[in-house]
Amino acid sequence: MRINGNTYTAEVTSDDRLKVQASAHNPAAIAAENQDAYTVIFEQDSGAVTSDFFYLKNTSDKNLHIYKIMMQTVTLDLDISVITGVTGSPTSGTAIVPKNMFAGGKAADVTCEGRDGDMALTYTLATDTVDRLYLHQRASGETYVGWQVWDYPATIILSRDTAMVLYVNIDPTADIDGTIYFYFG
């Protein structure tokens, strides 16, 4: 068979169709090859009931895709909302620098901050919450609960100049360790 003037060999099925093989690649893995996949690691104390303690804003022209969130707490049970549609700028936050999954890769085009207490941002909890995460502390006699993981196969997508926060619904004194995995694409 000739394709574009070149000679290639190909198998043809009994209904005169080409036999082909395809492979699928994880979008996050492709982004990592292009230096566009990141993790952001944080350790915060929510500081107050109903406070937003983590902020992530996309400042890139590419969409930011959050595909996994991991968190743990060793102090108290937690109910955390993942909120998009956030406006305003965080107050008194501390910058958190995401790490590129490609060792030595470029910096992420984001604004990322954490705060032990409320960052005074604007959103509507009832309509802007995209997920509720429940973290459980150690029960009596348990030595370790471990990390809890939330995978988002469809991803949480932030377009340019949109932001998300993590917001604690209960418990003002919980130590929260977390990692968020995201890529641009």
C-alpha atoms as a PDB file:
ATOM      1  CA  MET A   1       0.000   0.000   0.000  1.00  0.00           C
ATOM      2  CA  ARG A   2       1.270   3.518  -0.796  1.00  0.00           C
ATOM      3  CA  ILE A   3       0.615   6.376   1.629  1.00  0.00           C
ATOM      4  CA  ASN A   4       1.758   9.873   0.637  1.00  0.00           C
ATOM      5  CA  GLY A   5       4.031   8.424  -2.016  1.00  0.00           C
ATOM      6  CA  ASN A   6       5.899   6.217   0.498  1.00  0.00           C
ATOM      7  CA  THR A   7       5.698   2.461   0.734  1.00  0.00           C
ATOM      8  CA  TYR A   8       4.459   1.150   4.093  1.00  0.00           C
ATOM      9  CA  THR A   9       3.252  -2.275   5.023  1.00  0.00           C
ATOM     10  CA  ALA A  10      -0.094  -2.619   6.728  1.00  0.00           C
ATOM     11  CA  GLU A  11      -2.510  -5.409   7.497  1.00  0.00           C
ATOM     12  CA  VAL A  12      -6.014  -5.162   6.155  1.00  0.00           C
ATOM     13  CA  THR A  13      -9.050  -6.811   7.744  1.00  0.00           C
ATOM     14  CA  SER A  14     -11.543  -8.957   5.829  1.00  0.00           C
ATOM     15  CA  ASP A  15     -13.786  -5.865   5.467  1.00  0.00           C
ATOM     16  CA  ASP A  16     -10.949  -3.899   3.862  1.00  0.00           C
ATOM     17  CA  ARG A  17     -10.080  -1.816   6.914  1.00  0.00           C
ATOM     18  CA  LEU A  18      -6.601  -1.137   8.177  1.00  0.00           C
ATOM     19  CA  LYS A  19      -5.555  -2.894  11.351  1.00  0.00           C
ATOM     20  CA  VAL A  20      -4.200  -0.312  13.769  1.00  0.00           C
ATOM     21  CA  GLN A  21      -2.897  -0.143  17.287  1.00  0.00           C
ATOM     22  CA  ALA A  22      -3.362   2.831  19.551  1.00  0.00           C
ATOM     23  CA  SER A  23      -2.046   3.707  22.935  1.00  0.00           C
ATOM     24  CA  ALA A  24      -3.529   6.113  25.430  1.00  0.00           C
ATOM     25  CA  HIS A  25      -1.423   8.371  27.603  1.00  0.00           C
ATOM     26  CA  ASN A  26      -2.394   9.930  30.869  1.00  0.00           C
ATOM     27  CA  PRO A  27      -2.714  13.720  30.341  1.00  0.00           C
ATOM     28  CA  ALA A  28      -0.775  14.368  33.571  1.00  0.00           C
ATOM     29  CA  ALA A  29       2.112  12.206  32.322  1.00  0.00           C
ATOM     30  CA  ILE A  30       2.199  14.104  29.025  1.00  0.00           C
ATOM     31  CA  ALA A  31       2.142  17.406  30.940  1.00  0.00           C
ATOM     32  CA  ALA A  32       5.033  16.185  33.116  1.00  0.00           C
ATOM     33  CA  GLU A  33       7.102  15.511  29.980  1.00  0.00           C
ATOM     34  CA  ASN A  34       6.382  19.106  28.935  1.00  0.00           C
ATOM     35  CA  GLN A  35       7.344  20.470  32.391  1.00  0.00           C
ATOM     36  CA  ASP A  36       3.701  21.402  33.063  1.00  0.00           C
ATOM     37  CA  ALA A  37       2.838  19.042  35.993  1.00  0.00           C
ATOM     38  CA  TYR A  38       3.194  20.119  39.625  1.00  0.00           C
ATOM     39  CA  THR A  39       2.584  19.300  43.253  1.00  0.00           C
ATOM     40  CA  VAL A  40       1.937  21.778  45.997  1.00  0.00           C
ATOM     41  CA  ILE A  41       2.573  20.627  49.556  1.00  0.00           C
ATOM     42  CA  PHE A  42       1.130  22.492  52.512  1.00  0.00           C
ATOM     43  CA  GLU A  43       0.825  22.230  56.272  1.00  0.00           C
ATOM     44  CA  GLN A  44      -1.754  24.548  57.812  1.00  0.00           C
ATOM     45  CA  ASP A  45      -3.815  24.984  60.940  1.00  0.00           C
ATOM     46  CA  SER A  46      -7.237  26.183  59.828  1.00  0.00           C
ATOM     47  CA  GLY A  47      -7.307  28.549  62.814  1.00  0.00           C
ATOM     48  CA  ALA A  48     -11.058  29.180  62.842  1.00  0.00           C
ATOM     49  CA  VAL A  49     -14.349  27.556  61.953  1.00  0.00           C
ATOM     50  CA  THR A  50     -15.512  28.581  58.463  1.00  0.00           C
ATOM     51  CA  SER A  51     -12.126  29.764  57.279  1.00  0.00           C
ATOM     52  CA  ASP A  52     -10.332  29.385  53.958  1.00  0.00           C
ATOM     53  CA  PHE A  53      -6.790  28.243  54.668  1.00  0.00           C
ATOM     54  CA  PHE A  54      -5.424  27.383  51.191  1.00  0.00           C
ATOM     55  CA  TYR A  55      -5.605  29.423  47.953  1.00  0.00           C
ATOM     56  CA  LEU A  56      -4.593  28.494  44.398  1.00  0.00           C
ATOM     57  CA  LYS A  57      -5.065  30.852  41.426  1.00  0.00           C
ATOM     58  CA  ASN A  58      -4.214  30.089  37.805  1.00  0.00           C
ATOM     59  CA  THR A  59      -2.276  32.934  36.156  1.00  0.00           C
ATOM     60  CA  SER A  60      -1.417  30.956  32.996  1.00  0.00           C
ATOM     61  CA  ASP A  61      -3.147  31.119  29.613  1.00  0.00           C
ATOM     62  CA  LYS A  62      -3.464  27.314  29.835  1.00  0.00           C
ATOM     63  CA  ASN A  63      -6.177  25.626  31.896  1.00  0.00           C
ATOM     64  CA  LEU A  64      -5.019  24.301  35.274  1.00  0.00           C
ATOM     65  CA  HIS A  65      -6.293  20.757  35.963  1.00  0.00           C
ATOM     66  CA  ILE A  66      -6.399  19.508  39.569  1.00  0.00           C
ATOM     67  CA  TYR A  67      -6.455  15.719  39.403  1.00  0.00           C
ATOM     68  CA  LYS A  68      -5.677  14.614  42.958  1.00  0.00           C
ATOM     69  CA  ILE A  69      -5.890  15.949  46.496  1.00  0.00           C
ATOM     70  CA  MET A  70      -4.319  14.149  49.471  1.00  0.00           C
ATOM     71  CA  MET A  71      -4.732  15.253  53.078  1.00  0.00           C
ATOM     72  CA  GLN A  72      -4.349  13.995  56.606  1.00  0.00           C
ATOM     73  CA  THR A  73      -5.046  15.277  60.078  1.00  0.00           C
ATOM     74  CA  VAL A  74      -3.883  13.877  63.388  1.00  0.00           C
ATOM     75  CA  THR A  75      -5.886  16.146  65.652  1.00  0.00           C
ATOM     76  CA  LEU A  76      -9.620  16.170  64.862  1.00  0.00           C
ATOM     77  CA  ASP A  77     -12.146  15.059  62.240  1.00  0.00           C
ATOM     78  CA  LEU A  78     -12.520  17.624  59.473  1.00  0.00           C
ATOM     79  CA  ASP A  79     -15.098  18.618  56.890  1.00  0.00           C
ATOM     80  CA  ILE A  80     -13.427  20.626  54.110  1.00  0.00           C
ATOM     81  CA  SER A  81     -15.045  22.243  51.064  1.00  0.00           C
ATOM     82  CA  VAL A  82     -13.221  22.623  47.746  1.00  0.00           C
ATOM     83  CA  ILE A  83     -14.513  25.935  46.385  1.00  0.00           C
ATOM     84  CA  THR A  84     -14.098  27.537  42.952  1.00  0.00           C
ATOM     85  CA  GLY A  85     -15.489  30.867  41.756  1.00  0.00           C
ATOM     86  CA  VAL A  86     -13.322  32.699  44.270  1.00  0.00           C
ATOM     87  CA  THR A  87     -12.755  36.449  43.952  1.00  0.00           C
ATOM     88  CA  GLY A  88     -10.557  38.868  45.830  1.00  0.00           C
ATOM     89  CA  SER A  89      -6.996  38.521  47.002  1.00  0.00           C
ATOM     90  CA  PRO A  90      -5.934  36.613  50.101  1.00  0.00           C
ATOM     91  CA  THR A  91      -5.097  38.627  53.194  1.00  0.00           C
ATOM     92  CA  SER A  92      -2.085  37.737  55.305  1.00  0.00           C
ATOM     93  CA  GLY A  93      -1.326  34.547  53.397  1.00  0.00           C
ATOM     94  CA  THR A  94       2.119  32.991  53.089  1.00  0.00           C
ATOM     95  CA  ALA A  95       3.359  32.073  49.612  1.00  0.00           C
ATOM     96  CA  ILE A  96       3.634  28.369  48.826  1.00  0.00           C
ATOM     97  CA  VAL A  97       5.761  27.410  45.817  1.00  0.00           C
ATOM     98  CA  PRO A  98       4.535  24.399  43.797  1.00  0.00           C
ATOM     99  CA  LYS A  99       7.197  21.904  42.717  1.00  0.00           C
ATOM    100  CA  ASN A 100       7.544  20.823  39.098  1.00  0.00           C
ATOM    101  CA  MET A 101       7.221  17.050  38.594  1.00  0.00           C
ATOM    102  CA  PHE A 102       9.969  17.362  35.965  1.00  0.00           C
ATOM    103  CA  ALA A 103      13.108  17.737  38.085  1.00  0.00           C
ATOM    104  CA  GLY A 104      14.551  21.177  37.449  1.00  0.00           C
ATOM    105  CA  GLY A 105      11.504  22.191  35.410  1.00  0.00           C
ATOM    106  CA  LYS A 106       9.975  25.639  35.083  1.00  0.00           C
ATOM    107  CA  ALA A 107       7.965  27.411  37.778  1.00  0.00           C
ATOM    108  CA  ALA A 108       4.167  27.170  37.798  1.00  0.00           C
ATOM    109  CA  ASP A 109       2.137  30.159  36.614  1.00  0.00           C
ATOM    110  CA  VAL A 110       0.043  30.343  39.772  1.00  0.00           C
ATOM    111  CA  THR A 111      -0.490  32.329  42.913  1.00  0.00           C
ATOM    112  CA  CYS A 112      -0.547  29.902  45.824  1.00  0.00           C
ATOM    113  CA  GLU A 113      -0.901  30.824  49.489  1.00  0.00           C
ATOM    114  CA  GLY A 114      -1.683  29.247  52.815  1.00  0.00           C
ATOM    115  CA  ARG A 115      -2.642  30.771  56.115  1.00  0.00           C
ATOM    116  CA  ASP A 116      -3.226  29.572  59.646  1.00  0.00           C
ATOM    117  CA  GLY A 117      -6.574  31.352  59.703  1.00  0.00           C
ATOM    118  CA  ASP A 118      -9.071  32.930  57.323  1.00  0.00           C
ATOM    119  CA  MET A 119      -7.828  34.684  54.154  1.00  0.00           C
ATOM    120  CA  ALA A 120     -10.995  36.811  53.765  1.00  0.00           C
ATOM    121  CA  LEU A 121     -11.900  35.825  50.199  1.00  0.00           C
ATOM    122  CA  THR A 122     -15.295  36.141  48.498  1.00  0.00           C
ATOM    123  CA  TYR A 123     -17.398  33.211  47.219  1.00  0.00           C
ATOM    124  CA  THR A 124     -20.793  31.636  47.736  1.00  0.00           C
ATOM    125  CA  LEU A 125     -20.346  28.432  49.731  1.00  0.00           C
ATOM    126  CA  ALA A 126     -23.674  26.934  48.613  1.00  0.00           C
ATOM    127  CA  THR A 127     -23.089  27.361  44.874  1.00  0.00           C
ATOM    128  CA  ASP A 128     -19.296  27.426  44.452  1.00  0.00           C
ATOM    129  CA  THR A 129     -18.426  24.200  46.327  1.00  0.00           C
ATOM    130  CA  VAL A 130     -17.326  21.459  43.929  1.00  0.00           C
ATOM    131  CA  ASP A 131     -16.541  18.801  46.561  1.00  0.00           C
ATOM    132  CA  ARG A 132     -16.655  18.116  50.305  1.00  0.00           C
ATOM    133  CA  LEU A 133     -13.758  16.190  51.796  1.00  0.00           C
ATOM    134  CA  TYR A 134     -14.070  14.399  55.122  1.00  0.00           C
ATOM    135  CA  LEU A 135     -10.868  13.695  57.002  1.00  0.00           C
ATOM    136  CA  HIS A 136     -10.876  11.383  59.979  1.00  0.00           C
ATOM    137  CA  GLN A 137      -8.541  11.510  62.936  1.00  0.00           C
ATOM    138  CA  ARG A 138      -7.071   8.518  64.695  1.00  0.00           C
ATOM    139  CA  ALA A 139      -9.583   6.595  66.748  1.00  0.00           C
ATOM    140  CA  SER A 140      -8.711   5.489  70.255  1.00  0.00           C
ATOM    141  CA  GLY A 141      -6.126   2.731  70.017  1.00  0.00           C
ATOM    142  CA  GLU A 142      -5.157   3.480  66.412  1.00  0.00           C
ATOM    143  CA  THR A 143      -1.603   4.551  65.847  1.00  0.00           C
ATOM    144  CA  TYR A 144      -2.075   6.124  62.415  1.00  0.00           C
ATOM    145  CA  VAL A 145      -4.977   6.808  60.075  1.00  0.00           C
ATOM    146  CA  GLY A 146      -2.871   7.816  57.093  1.00  0.00           C
ATOM    147  CA  TRP A 147      -3.414   9.965  54.070  1.00  0.00           C
ATOM    148  CA  GLN A 148      -6.818  10.184  52.514  1.00  0.00           C
ATOM    149  CA  VAL A 149      -6.852  10.546  48.726  1.00  0.00           C
ATOM    150  CA  TRP A 150      -9.409  12.077  46.364  1.00  0.00           C
ATOM    151  CA  ASP A 151      -8.893  11.428  42.642  1.00  0.00           C
ATOM    152  CA  TYR A 152     -10.648  13.544  40.026  1.00  0.00           C
ATOM    153  CA  PRO A 153     -10.572  11.682  36.682  1.00  0.00           C
ATOM    154  CA  ALA A 154     -12.459  14.572  35.036  1.00  0.00           C
ATOM    155  CA  THR A 155     -10.225  17.086  36.896  1.00  0.00           C
ATOM    156  CA  ILE A 156     -11.205  20.339  38.579  1.00  0.00           C
ATOM    157  CA  ILE A 157     -10.390  22.961  35.946  1.00  0.00           C
ATOM    158  CA  LEU A 158      -9.307  26.529  36.632  1.00  0.00           C
ATOM    159  CA  SER A 159      -9.067  28.799  33.609  1.00  0.00           C
ATOM    160  CA  ARG A 160      -6.850  31.891  33.596  1.00  0.00           C
ATOM    161  CA  ASP A 161      -7.419  34.195  36.584  1.00  0.00           C
ATOM    162  CA  THR A 162      -9.755  31.766  38.370  1.00  0.00           C
ATOM    163  CA  ALA A 163      -9.007  30.447  41.833  1.00  0.00           C
ATOM    164  CA  MET A 164      -9.979  27.770  44.293  1.00  0.00           C
ATOM    165  CA  VAL A 165      -9.754  27.564  48.055  1.00  0.00           C
ATOM    166  CA  LEU A 166      -9.892  24.887  50.695  1.00  0.00           C
ATOM    167  CA  TYR A 167     -12.354  25.911  53.381  1.00  0.00           C
ATOM    168  CA  VAL A 168     -12.833  24.213  56.741  1.00  0.00           C
ATOM    169  CA  ASN A 169     -16.477  23.802  57.766  1.00  0.00           C
ATOM    170  CA  ILE A 170     -15.783  22.463  61.265  1.00  0.00           C
ATOM    171  CA  ASP A 171     -12.966  22.507  63.838  1.00  0.00           C
ATOM    172  CA  PRO A 172     -10.858  25.605  64.408  1.00  0.00           C
ATOM    173  CA  THR A 173      -7.699  23.865  65.652  1.00  0.00           C
ATOM    174  CA  ALA A 174      -6.879  21.088  63.193  1.00  0.00           C
ATOM    175  CA  ASP A 175      -3.386  20.581  61.829  1.00  0.00           C
ATOM    176  CA  ILE A 176      -3.844  19.758  58.147  1.00  0.00           C
ATOM    177  CA  ASP A 177      -1.123  18.270  55.926  1.00  0.00           C
ATOM    178  CA  GLY A 178      -1.893  18.183  52.227  1.00  0.00           C
ATOM    179  CA  THR A 179      -0.646  17.715  48.707  1.00  0.00           C
ATOM    180  CA  ILE A 180      -2.445  18.873  45.574  1.00  0.00           C
ATOM    181  CA  TYR A 181      -1.481  17.488  42.171  1.00  0.00           C
ATOM    182  CA  PHE A 182      -2.173  19.568  39.069  1.00  0.00           C
ATOM    183  CA  TYR A 183      -1.061  20.145  35.505  1.00  0.00           C
ATOM    184  CA  PHE A 184      -1.537  22.688  32.733  1.00  0.00           C
ATOM    185  CA  GLY A 185      -3.076  21.636  29.442  1.00  0.00           C
END
